[in-house]
């Protein structure tokens, strides 16, 4: 579990969406040995018995669809309006 957390933290630190993190599990705690920003996904798919490229494509599609349905700026204004409405209602300024 610690190795998974360390790998995810490493990917976040370099702002990578797809990355292979090689680790050494010898010793008291796992250590990162290498980070590959352009990993070969066929070997990983075979080892994990999971279609990694398909999952990536699906994730990209879902993110695109969510953005297309509600662009980030529109979402920002919707969120701001909701917060403002809640604040005003709590102050009894809006019925």
N, C-alpha and C. Protein backbone atom coordinates (compact mmCIF):
# COMPACT_ATOMS: atom_id res chain seq x y z
N UNK A 1 0.83 -1.20 0.00
CA UNK A 1 0.00 0.00 0.00
C UNK A 1 0.87 1.25 0.00
N UNK A 2 1.94 1.25 0.76
CA UNK A 2 2.85 2.40 0.80
C UNK A 2 3.48 2.63 -0.58
N UNK A 3 3.79 1.54 -1.30
CA UNK A 3 4.37 1.66 -2.63
C UNK A 3 3.39 2.34 -3.58
N UNK A 4 2.13 2.00 -3.49
CA UNK A 4 1.11 2.61 -4.35
C UNK A 4 0.99 4.10 -4.06
N UNK A 5 0.96 4.46 -2.80
CA UNK A 5 0.86 5.87 -2.41
C UNK A 5 2.08 6.64 -2.90
N UNK A 6 3.25 6.05 -2.76
CA UNK A 6 4.49 6.69 -3.20
C UNK A 6 4.48 6.88 -4.72
N UNK A 7 4.02 5.87 -5.47
CA UNK A 7 3.95 5.97 -6.93
C UNK A 7 2.97 7.07 -7.36
N UNK A 8 1.81 7.12 -6.72
CA UNK A 8 0.82 8.15 -7.06
C UNK A 8 1.34 9.54 -6.71
N UNK A 9 2.01 9.68 -5.58
CA UNK A 9 2.59 10.97 -5.20
C UNK A 9 3.65 11.41 -6.20
N UNK A 10 4.45 10.46 -6.68
CA UNK A 10 5.49 10.78 -7.67
C UNK A 10 4.86 11.26 -8.97
N UNK A 11 3.80 10.59 -9.42
CA UNK A 11 3.12 10.99 -10.65
C UNK A 11 2.50 12.38 -10.49
N UNK A 12 1.91 12.64 -9.35
CA UNK A 12 1.31 13.96 -9.10
C UNK A 12 2.37 15.05 -9.04
N UNK A 13 3.52 14.72 -8.46
CA UNK A 13 4.59 15.71 -8.29
C UNK A 13 5.10 16.22 -9.64
N UNK A 14 5.10 15.34 -10.64
CA UNK A 14 5.55 15.77 -11.97
C UNK A 14 4.38 16.05 -12.91
N UNK A 15 3.17 16.06 -12.33
CA UNK A 15 1.94 16.37 -13.07
C UNK A 15 1.77 15.48 -14.29
N UNK A 16 1.98 14.18 -14.10
CA UNK A 16 1.85 13.20 -15.19
C UNK A 16 0.54 12.44 -15.04
N UNK A 17 -0.15 12.28 -16.15
CA UNK A 17 -1.39 11.52 -16.16
C UNK A 17 -1.11 10.04 -16.39
N UNK A 18 -0.12 9.76 -17.24
CA UNK A 18 0.28 8.38 -17.54
C UNK A 18 1.77 8.30 -17.31
N UNK A 19 2.17 7.41 -16.44
CA UNK A 19 3.58 7.29 -16.09
C UNK A 19 3.84 5.89 -15.54
N UNK A 20 5.03 5.38 -15.76
CA UNK A 20 5.41 4.13 -15.12
C UNK A 20 6.45 4.47 -14.06
N UNK A 21 6.19 4.02 -12.84
CA UNK A 21 7.10 4.28 -11.73
C UNK A 21 7.75 2.96 -11.35
N UNK A 22 9.08 2.90 -11.54
CA UNK A 22 9.84 1.71 -11.14
C UNK A 22 10.31 1.90 -9.71
N UNK A 23 10.11 0.85 -8.91
CA UNK A 23 10.45 0.98 -7.50
C UNK A 23 11.31 -0.19 -7.04
N UNK A 24 12.09 0.09 -6.02
CA UNK A 24 12.84 -0.96 -5.34
C UNK A 24 12.11 -1.24 -4.03
N UNK A 25 11.78 -2.50 -3.83
CA UNK A 25 11.08 -2.87 -2.59
C UNK A 25 12.02 -3.50 -1.58
N UNK A 26 13.33 -3.45 -1.84
CA UNK A 26 14.32 -3.96 -0.89
C UNK A 26 14.52 -2.95 0.23
N UNK A 27 14.72 -3.43 1.41
CA UNK A 27 14.93 -2.53 2.53
C UNK A 27 13.67 -2.28 3.32
N UNK A 28 13.74 -1.27 4.18
CA UNK A 28 12.63 -0.96 5.08
C UNK A 28 11.43 -0.35 4.38
N UNK A 29 11.66 0.46 3.36
CA UNK A 29 10.55 1.12 2.68
C UNK A 29 10.82 1.17 1.18
N UNK A 30 9.76 1.26 0.37
CA UNK A 30 9.96 1.32 -1.08
C UNK A 30 10.65 2.62 -1.49
N UNK A 31 11.43 2.52 -2.56
CA UNK A 31 12.14 3.69 -3.07
C UNK A 31 11.94 3.77 -4.58
N UNK A 32 11.73 4.98 -5.08
CA UNK A 32 11.57 5.17 -6.51
C UNK A 32 12.94 5.08 -7.18
N UNK A 33 13.00 4.26 -8.23
CA UNK A 33 14.24 4.07 -8.96
C UNK A 33 14.21 4.85 -10.28
N UNK A 34 13.04 4.86 -10.94
CA UNK A 34 12.93 5.50 -12.24
C UNK A 34 11.47 5.89 -12.48
N UNK A 35 11.29 6.98 -13.23
CA UNK A 35 9.97 7.38 -13.67
C UNK A 35 10.01 7.51 -15.18
N UNK A 36 9.16 6.75 -15.86
CA UNK A 36 9.12 6.74 -17.32
C UNK A 36 7.86 7.47 -17.78
N UNK A 37 8.05 8.61 -18.46
CA UNK A 37 6.92 9.41 -18.92
C UNK A 37 6.31 8.88 -20.21
N UNK A 38 6.98 7.94 -20.85
CA UNK A 38 6.48 7.37 -22.10
C UNK A 38 6.54 5.84 -22.00
N UNK A 39 5.75 5.27 -21.11
CA UNK A 39 5.86 3.83 -20.87
C UNK A 39 5.23 2.99 -21.99
N UNK A 40 5.78 1.80 -22.17
CA UNK A 40 5.19 0.81 -23.08
C UNK A 40 4.03 0.17 -22.32
N UNK A 41 2.84 0.34 -22.83
CA UNK A 41 1.65 -0.12 -22.10
C UNK A 41 1.28 -1.56 -22.40
N UNK A 42 1.88 -2.17 -23.42
CA UNK A 42 1.51 -3.55 -23.74
C UNK A 42 2.00 -4.51 -22.67
N UNK A 43 3.20 -4.32 -22.19
CA UNK A 43 3.72 -5.19 -21.12
C UNK A 43 2.94 -5.04 -19.83
N UNK A 44 2.60 -3.81 -19.50
CA UNK A 44 1.83 -3.55 -18.29
C UNK A 44 0.45 -4.18 -18.40
N UNK A 45 -0.16 -4.04 -19.57
CA UNK A 45 -1.49 -4.63 -19.79
C UNK A 45 -1.44 -6.15 -19.64
N UNK A 46 -0.41 -6.74 -20.18
CA UNK A 46 -0.26 -8.20 -20.09
C UNK A 46 -0.05 -8.63 -18.64
N UNK A 47 0.79 -7.95 -17.93
CA UNK A 47 1.11 -8.32 -16.54
C UNK A 47 -0.08 -8.12 -15.60
N UNK A 48 -0.84 -7.06 -15.83
CA UNK A 48 -1.96 -6.76 -14.94
C UNK A 48 -3.27 -7.38 -15.43
N UNK A 49 -3.21 -8.00 -16.60
CA UNK A 49 -4.40 -8.60 -17.23
C UNK A 49 -5.52 -7.56 -17.33
N UNK A 50 -5.14 -6.36 -17.73
CA UNK A 50 -6.07 -5.25 -17.86
C UNK A 50 -5.69 -4.46 -19.11
N UNK A 51 -6.66 -4.01 -19.87
CA UNK A 51 -6.40 -3.25 -21.09
C UNK A 51 -6.17 -1.78 -20.73
N UNK A 52 -4.93 -1.45 -20.40
CA UNK A 52 -4.57 -0.10 -19.95
C UNK A 52 -4.84 0.95 -21.03
N UNK A 53 -4.43 0.75 -22.29
CA UNK A 53 -4.73 1.77 -23.31
C UNK A 53 -6.23 2.06 -23.43
N UNK A 54 -7.05 1.03 -23.34
CA UNK A 54 -8.50 1.23 -23.42
C UNK A 54 -8.99 2.08 -22.24
N UNK A 55 -8.46 1.82 -21.05
CA UNK A 55 -8.86 2.61 -19.88
C UNK A 55 -8.45 4.08 -20.02
N UNK A 56 -7.27 4.32 -20.60
CA UNK A 56 -6.79 5.68 -20.80
C UNK A 56 -7.68 6.40 -21.81
N UNK A 57 -7.98 5.73 -22.92
CA UNK A 57 -8.83 6.33 -23.94
C UNK A 57 -10.21 6.64 -23.36
N UNK A 58 -10.77 5.74 -22.58
CA UNK A 58 -12.07 5.96 -21.96
C UNK A 58 -12.02 7.16 -21.02
N UNK A 59 -10.96 7.26 -20.24
CA UNK A 59 -10.82 8.37 -19.30
C UNK A 59 -10.72 9.71 -20.03
N UNK A 60 -9.94 9.74 -21.11
CA UNK A 60 -9.82 10.96 -21.90
C UNK A 60 -11.18 11.34 -22.49
N UNK A 61 -11.90 10.34 -23.01
CA UNK A 61 -13.22 10.60 -23.58
C UNK A 61 -14.19 11.14 -22.53
N UNK A 62 -14.21 10.53 -21.35
CA UNK A 62 -15.11 10.99 -20.29
C UNK A 62 -14.78 12.42 -19.87
N UNK A 63 -13.48 12.73 -19.73
CA UNK A 63 -13.09 14.10 -19.38
C UNK A 63 -13.51 15.09 -20.45
N UNK A 64 -13.34 14.70 -21.72
CA UNK A 64 -13.77 15.56 -22.82
C UNK A 64 -15.28 15.78 -22.77
N UNK A 65 -16.03 14.68 -22.58
CA UNK A 65 -17.49 14.78 -22.56
C UNK A 65 -17.96 15.68 -21.42
N UNK A 66 -17.36 15.52 -20.25
CA UNK A 66 -17.73 16.38 -19.11
C UNK A 66 -17.43 17.85 -19.41
N UNK A 67 -16.30 18.10 -20.04
CA UNK A 67 -15.93 19.48 -20.38
C UNK A 67 -16.86 20.04 -21.45
N UNK A 68 -17.19 19.21 -22.44
CA UNK A 68 -18.06 19.66 -23.52
C UNK A 68 -19.46 19.98 -23.01
N UNK A 69 -19.93 19.20 -22.04
CA UNK A 69 -21.26 19.42 -21.48
C UNK A 69 -21.30 20.67 -20.61
N UNK A 70 -20.23 20.93 -19.90
CA UNK A 70 -20.22 22.07 -18.98
C UNK A 70 -18.79 22.63 -18.93
N UNK A 71 -18.48 23.57 -19.82
CA UNK A 71 -17.13 24.14 -19.81
C UNK A 71 -16.75 24.66 -18.43
N UNK A 72 -15.47 24.65 -18.16
CA UNK A 72 -14.95 24.97 -16.82
C UNK A 72 -15.39 26.37 -16.36
N UNK A 73 -15.43 27.34 -17.26
CA UNK A 73 -15.82 28.69 -16.86
C UNK A 73 -17.29 28.74 -16.45
N UNK A 74 -18.14 28.03 -17.18
CA UNK A 74 -19.55 27.98 -16.82
C UNK A 74 -19.70 27.30 -15.47
N UNK A 75 -18.94 26.22 -15.25
CA UNK A 75 -18.99 25.52 -13.96
C UNK A 75 -18.55 26.45 -12.84
N UNK A 76 -17.50 27.24 -13.07
CA UNK A 76 -17.01 28.18 -12.07
C UNK A 76 -18.12 29.17 -11.67
N UNK A 77 -18.80 29.75 -12.66
CA UNK A 77 -19.86 30.71 -12.36
C UNK A 77 -21.05 30.04 -11.68
N UNK A 78 -21.38 28.83 -12.08
CA UNK A 78 -22.46 28.10 -11.41
C UNK A 78 -22.12 27.86 -9.94
N UNK A 79 -20.87 27.44 -9.69
CA UNK A 79 -20.43 27.21 -8.32
C UNK A 79 -20.44 28.50 -7.51
N UNK A 80 -19.96 29.59 -8.11
CA UNK A 80 -19.93 30.89 -7.42
C UNK A 80 -21.34 31.35 -7.09
N UNK A 81 -22.27 31.19 -8.05
CA UNK A 81 -23.66 31.58 -7.82
C UNK A 81 -24.26 30.77 -6.68
N UNK A 82 -23.97 29.48 -6.64
CA UNK A 82 -24.49 28.61 -5.59
C UNK A 82 -23.97 29.02 -4.22
N UNK A 83 -22.69 29.33 -4.14
CA UNK A 83 -22.10 29.75 -2.86
C UNK A 83 -22.70 31.07 -2.42
N UNK A 84 -22.82 32.02 -3.35
CA UNK A 84 -23.39 33.32 -3.01
C UNK A 84 -24.84 33.17 -2.53
N UNK A 85 -25.60 32.35 -3.20
CA UNK A 85 -26.99 32.12 -2.81
C UNK A 85 -27.06 31.54 -1.40
N UNK A 86 -26.21 30.58 -1.11
CA UNK A 86 -26.18 29.96 0.23
C UNK A 86 -25.82 31.00 1.29
N UNK A 87 -24.85 31.85 1.01
CA UNK A 87 -24.44 32.87 1.98
C UNK A 87 -25.58 33.85 2.21
N UNK A 88 -26.22 34.29 1.13
CA UNK A 88 -27.31 35.25 1.28
C UNK A 88 -28.49 34.65 2.02
N UNK A 89 -28.79 33.37 1.76
CA UNK A 89 -29.89 32.71 2.48
C UNK A 89 -29.56 32.58 3.95
N UNK A 90 -28.33 32.30 4.26
CA UNK A 90 -27.97 32.14 5.67
C UNK A 90 -28.04 33.48 6.42
N UNK A 91 -27.95 34.57 5.69
CA UNK A 91 -28.06 35.90 6.30
C UNK A 91 -29.48 36.44 6.21
N UNK A 92 -30.40 35.58 5.75
CA UNK A 92 -31.81 35.96 5.59
C UNK A 92 -32.00 37.14 4.65
N UNK A 93 -31.13 37.28 3.65
CA UNK A 93 -31.28 38.34 2.68
C UNK A 93 -32.04 37.88 1.44
N UNK A 94 -32.12 36.55 1.26
CA UNK A 94 -32.84 35.99 0.12
C UNK A 94 -33.83 34.97 0.65
N UNK A 95 -35.01 35.00 0.11
CA UNK A 95 -36.03 34.05 0.56
C UNK A 95 -36.04 32.85 -0.35
